[in-house]
């Protein structure tokens, strides 16, 4: 299965690659890939809450493409503002 990616321009002008991962019945992880590559340690993630019919069934799973197509620029902006670093090395509490 090919990875579906799209671009998002962050508030500081950086062009992030957006990917949907780990979809369940009611949420999915949205990953913002920094243009510096996966080794840069600057990727971020946030959780997107899904409210479609799948959310009412514990045995359902929303498709990654369905989540991706539902993400508007406003939704991506909100998710980005709420996102957290993936890499522990970028955590200010551990001196990274």
N, C-alpha and C. Protein backbone atom coordinates (compact mmCIF):
# COMPACT_ATOMS: atom_id res chain seq x y z
N UNK A 1 0.84 -1.18 0.00
CA UNK A 1 0.00 0.00 0.00
C UNK A 1 0.89 1.25 0.00
N UNK A 2 0.72 2.11 -0.96
CA UNK A 2 1.51 3.32 -1.07
C UNK A 2 1.10 4.33 -0.01
N UNK A 3 2.08 5.06 0.48
CA UNK A 3 1.84 6.07 1.49
C UNK A 3 1.29 7.32 0.81
N UNK A 4 0.15 7.80 1.32
CA UNK A 4 -0.45 9.02 0.77
C UNK A 4 0.06 10.21 1.58
N UNK A 5 0.66 11.18 0.89
CA UNK A 5 1.20 12.37 1.54
C UNK A 5 0.65 13.61 0.85
N UNK A 6 0.56 14.67 1.61
CA UNK A 6 0.23 15.96 1.03
C UNK A 6 1.06 17.03 1.73
N UNK A 7 1.10 18.20 1.16
CA UNK A 7 1.89 19.28 1.72
C UNK A 7 1.05 20.21 2.58
N UNK A 8 1.69 20.74 3.61
CA UNK A 8 1.07 21.74 4.47
C UNK A 8 2.11 22.81 4.74
N UNK A 9 1.73 24.07 4.55
CA UNK A 9 2.64 25.18 4.82
C UNK A 9 2.40 25.66 6.24
N UNK A 10 3.41 25.48 7.09
CA UNK A 10 3.31 25.87 8.49
C UNK A 10 3.31 27.38 8.66
N UNK A 11 3.00 27.84 9.86
CA UNK A 11 2.91 29.29 10.12
C UNK A 11 4.23 30.03 9.90
N UNK A 12 5.36 29.31 10.03
CA UNK A 12 6.66 29.95 9.82
C UNK A 12 7.14 29.84 8.38
N UNK A 13 6.29 29.24 7.50
CA UNK A 13 6.61 29.12 6.08
C UNK A 13 7.22 27.79 5.67
N UNK A 14 7.46 26.90 6.62
CA UNK A 14 8.03 25.59 6.31
C UNK A 14 6.99 24.71 5.64
N UNK A 15 7.39 23.99 4.60
CA UNK A 15 6.49 23.07 3.91
C UNK A 15 6.66 21.66 4.49
N UNK A 16 5.65 21.23 5.24
CA UNK A 16 5.66 19.94 5.91
C UNK A 16 4.93 18.91 5.06
N UNK A 17 5.42 17.68 5.07
CA UNK A 17 4.70 16.57 4.46
C UNK A 17 3.74 16.01 5.49
N UNK A 18 2.49 15.79 5.12
CA UNK A 18 1.47 15.30 6.05
C UNK A 18 1.11 13.87 5.68
N UNK A 19 1.08 13.01 6.70
CA UNK A 19 0.75 11.60 6.52
C UNK A 19 -0.24 11.17 7.61
N UNK A 20 -1.19 10.34 7.25
CA UNK A 20 -2.13 9.77 8.23
C UNK A 20 -1.64 8.37 8.57
N UNK A 21 -1.53 8.08 9.88
CA UNK A 21 -1.06 6.77 10.34
C UNK A 21 -2.01 6.24 11.41
N UNK A 22 -1.97 4.94 11.60
CA UNK A 22 -2.67 4.25 12.68
C UNK A 22 -4.14 4.62 12.82
N UNK A 23 -4.91 4.59 11.74
CA UNK A 23 -6.33 4.93 11.89
C UNK A 23 -7.07 3.85 12.68
N UNK A 24 -8.00 4.28 13.50
CA UNK A 24 -8.86 3.36 14.25
C UNK A 24 -10.30 3.71 13.90
N UNK A 25 -11.22 3.30 14.72
CA UNK A 25 -12.63 3.63 14.47
C UNK A 25 -12.91 5.10 14.74
N UNK A 26 -12.20 5.70 15.70
CA UNK A 26 -12.56 7.06 16.10
C UNK A 26 -11.43 8.09 16.02
N UNK A 27 -10.22 7.68 15.70
CA UNK A 27 -9.15 8.68 15.55
C UNK A 27 -8.03 8.15 14.67
N UNK A 28 -7.13 9.06 14.33
CA UNK A 28 -5.96 8.70 13.53
C UNK A 28 -4.82 9.64 13.89
N UNK A 29 -3.60 9.13 13.78
CA UNK A 29 -2.43 9.97 14.02
C UNK A 29 -2.11 10.72 12.73
N UNK A 30 -1.92 12.03 12.85
CA UNK A 30 -1.51 12.85 11.72
C UNK A 30 -0.06 13.25 11.98
N UNK A 31 0.83 12.84 11.07
CA UNK A 31 2.26 13.10 11.23
C UNK A 31 2.67 14.22 10.28
N UNK A 32 3.39 15.18 10.82
CA UNK A 32 3.94 16.28 10.03
C UNK A 32 5.43 16.00 9.87
N UNK A 33 5.86 15.66 8.64
CA UNK A 33 7.26 15.34 8.35
C UNK A 33 8.00 16.62 7.97
N UNK A 34 9.05 16.94 8.72
CA UNK A 34 9.87 18.12 8.45
C UNK A 34 10.64 17.90 7.15
N UNK A 35 10.84 18.95 6.35
CA UNK A 35 11.56 18.77 5.08
C UNK A 35 13.02 18.38 5.26
N UNK A 36 13.55 18.46 6.47
CA UNK A 36 14.93 18.06 6.72
C UNK A 36 15.13 16.56 6.70
N UNK A 37 14.05 15.81 6.56
CA UNK A 37 14.15 14.35 6.51
C UNK A 37 13.88 13.71 7.86
N UNK A 38 13.67 12.41 7.83
CA UNK A 38 13.32 11.67 9.05
C UNK A 38 14.44 11.68 10.09
N UNK A 39 15.66 11.93 9.66
CA UNK A 39 16.76 11.94 10.63
C UNK A 39 16.92 13.30 11.29
N UNK A 40 16.17 14.30 10.88
CA UNK A 40 16.33 15.63 11.46
C UNK A 40 15.77 15.71 12.88
N UNK A 41 14.89 14.78 13.26
CA UNK A 41 14.31 14.79 14.60
C UNK A 41 13.31 15.91 14.81
N UNK A 42 12.80 16.48 13.74
CA UNK A 42 11.87 17.60 13.87
C UNK A 42 10.44 17.24 13.47
N UNK A 43 10.18 15.97 13.15
CA UNK A 43 8.81 15.56 12.81
C UNK A 43 7.90 15.75 14.02
N UNK A 44 6.62 15.99 13.73
CA UNK A 44 5.64 16.24 14.78
C UNK A 44 4.41 15.37 14.54
N UNK A 45 3.58 15.20 15.57
CA UNK A 45 2.35 14.43 15.39
C UNK A 45 1.22 15.03 16.23
N UNK A 46 0.01 14.71 15.83
CA UNK A 46 -1.19 15.10 16.55
C UNK A 46 -2.26 14.05 16.30
N UNK A 47 -3.27 14.01 17.13
CA UNK A 47 -4.37 13.05 16.97
C UNK A 47 -5.59 13.75 16.39
N UNK A 48 -6.16 13.18 15.34
CA UNK A 48 -7.37 13.70 14.69
C UNK A 48 -8.55 12.84 15.13
N UNK A 49 -9.57 13.47 15.66
CA UNK A 49 -10.76 12.76 16.10
C UNK A 49 -11.73 12.59 14.94
N UNK A 50 -12.10 11.35 14.66
CA UNK A 50 -13.00 11.02 13.55
C UNK A 50 -14.42 10.87 14.09
N UNK A 51 -15.39 11.48 13.40
CA UNK A 51 -16.79 11.43 13.85
C UNK A 51 -17.71 10.78 12.84
N UNK A 52 -17.16 10.03 11.90
CA UNK A 52 -17.96 9.34 10.88
C UNK A 52 -18.64 8.10 11.46
N UNK A 53 -19.34 7.36 10.61
CA UNK A 53 -20.08 6.18 11.08
C UNK A 53 -19.17 5.11 11.70
N UNK A 54 -17.92 5.05 11.30
CA UNK A 54 -16.98 4.07 11.84
C UNK A 54 -16.76 4.28 13.34
N UNK A 55 -16.89 5.53 13.79
CA UNK A 55 -16.64 5.87 15.19
C UNK A 55 -17.65 5.23 16.14
N UNK A 56 -18.76 4.76 15.61
CA UNK A 56 -19.79 4.15 16.45
C UNK A 56 -19.65 2.63 16.51
N UNK A 57 -18.60 2.08 15.94
CA UNK A 57 -18.41 0.63 15.93
C UNK A 57 -16.97 0.30 16.30
N UNK A 58 -16.78 -0.44 17.36
CA UNK A 58 -15.42 -0.76 17.80
C UNK A 58 -14.69 -1.70 16.84
N UNK A 59 -15.43 -2.35 15.94
CA UNK A 59 -14.78 -3.26 14.99
C UNK A 59 -14.47 -2.59 13.66
N UNK A 60 -14.86 -1.35 13.50
CA UNK A 60 -14.60 -0.62 12.25
C UNK A 60 -13.25 0.06 12.29
N UNK A 61 -12.81 0.46 11.11
CA UNK A 61 -11.57 1.22 10.99
C UNK A 61 -11.75 2.18 9.82
N UNK A 62 -11.51 3.45 10.06
CA UNK A 62 -11.61 4.43 9.00
C UNK A 62 -10.38 4.31 8.10
N UNK A 63 -10.56 4.49 6.81
CA UNK A 63 -9.45 4.38 5.86
C UNK A 63 -8.56 5.63 5.94
N UNK A 64 -7.25 5.42 5.76
CA UNK A 64 -6.30 6.53 5.78
C UNK A 64 -6.67 7.59 4.74
N UNK A 65 -7.03 7.15 3.54
CA UNK A 65 -7.40 8.09 2.48
C UNK A 65 -8.63 8.90 2.82
N UNK A 66 -9.57 8.30 3.52
CA UNK A 66 -10.78 9.01 3.94
C UNK A 66 -10.44 10.11 4.93
N UNK A 67 -9.57 9.79 5.87
CA UNK A 67 -9.14 10.81 6.84
C UNK A 67 -8.39 11.91 6.11
N UNK A 68 -7.47 11.54 5.24
CA UNK A 68 -6.67 12.53 4.52
C UNK A 68 -7.56 13.48 3.71
N UNK A 69 -8.55 12.93 3.02
CA UNK A 69 -9.41 13.78 2.19
C UNK A 69 -10.32 14.68 3.03
N UNK A 70 -10.53 14.33 4.29
CA UNK A 70 -11.38 15.17 5.13
C UNK A 70 -10.60 16.30 5.81
N UNK A 71 -9.28 16.26 5.73
CA UNK A 71 -8.46 17.27 6.40
C UNK A 71 -8.39 18.55 5.57
N UNK A 72 -9.09 19.56 6.02
CA UNK A 72 -9.04 20.87 5.37
C UNK A 72 -7.78 21.61 5.82
N UNK A 73 -7.46 22.70 5.18
CA UNK A 73 -6.32 23.51 5.61
C UNK A 73 -6.52 24.03 7.03
N UNK A 74 -7.75 24.41 7.37
CA UNK A 74 -8.04 24.88 8.74
C UNK A 74 -7.82 23.75 9.75
N UNK A 75 -8.27 22.54 9.41
CA UNK A 75 -8.08 21.39 10.31
C UNK A 75 -6.59 21.10 10.48
N UNK A 76 -5.82 21.15 9.40
CA UNK A 76 -4.38 20.91 9.49
C UNK A 76 -3.70 21.99 10.32
N UNK A 77 -4.12 23.24 10.18
CA UNK A 77 -3.55 24.33 10.98
C UNK A 77 -3.78 24.08 12.47
N UNK A 78 -4.99 23.68 12.82
CA UNK A 78 -5.31 23.40 14.22
C UNK A 78 -4.49 22.21 14.73
N UNK A 79 -4.43 21.14 13.94
CA UNK A 79 -3.66 19.97 14.33
C UNK A 79 -2.18 20.32 14.49
N UNK A 80 -1.65 21.15 13.61
CA UNK A 80 -0.25 21.54 13.70
C UNK A 80 0.01 22.34 14.98
N UNK A 81 -0.90 23.27 15.29
CA UNK A 81 -0.74 24.06 16.52
C UNK A 81 -0.75 23.17 17.76
N UNK A 82 -1.49 22.08 17.71
CA UNK A 82 -1.59 21.16 18.86
C UNK A 82 -0.57 20.03 18.80
N UNK A 83 0.24 20.00 17.76
CA UNK A 83 1.15 18.86 17.56
C UNK A 83 2.30 18.87 18.56
N UNK A 84 2.90 17.67 18.70
CA UNK A 84 4.01 17.47 19.62
C UNK A 84 5.17 16.85 18.86
N UNK A 85 6.40 17.07 19.31
CA UNK A 85 7.55 16.45 18.66
C UNK A 85 7.50 14.93 18.81
N UNK A 86 7.91 14.23 17.76
CA UNK A 86 7.99 12.78 17.83
C UNK A 86 9.28 12.37 18.53
N UNK A 87 10.36 13.04 18.23
CA UNK A 87 11.67 12.68 18.75
C UNK A 87 11.83 13.18 20.18
N UNK A 88 12.28 12.30 21.07
CA UNK A 88 12.56 12.70 22.45
C UNK A 88 13.69 13.70 22.52
N UNK A 89 14.54 13.72 21.50
CA UNK A 89 15.67 14.64 21.47
C UNK A 89 15.26 16.10 21.33
N UNK A 90 14.02 16.38 20.94
CA UNK A 90 13.58 17.75 20.77
C UNK A 90 12.76 18.23 21.97
N UNK A 91 12.71 17.42 23.03
CA UNK A 91 11.95 17.77 24.22
C UNK A 91 12.76 18.74 25.08
N UNK A 92 12.22 19.93 25.36
CA UNK A 92 12.99 20.91 26.16
C UNK A 92 13.26 20.43 27.58
N UNK A 93 12.51 19.44 28.06
CA UNK A 93 12.70 18.97 29.43
C UNK A 93 13.93 18.08 29.59
N UNK A 94 14.41 17.50 28.48
CA UNK A 94 15.59 16.64 28.59
C UNK A 94 16.86 17.31 28.03
N UNK A 95 16.79 18.60 27.81
CA UNK A 95 17.95 19.33 27.34
C UNK A 95 18.27 19.19 25.88
N UNK A 96 17.33 18.63 25.08
CA UNK A 96 17.57 18.41 23.66
C UNK A 96 17.31 19.59 22.80
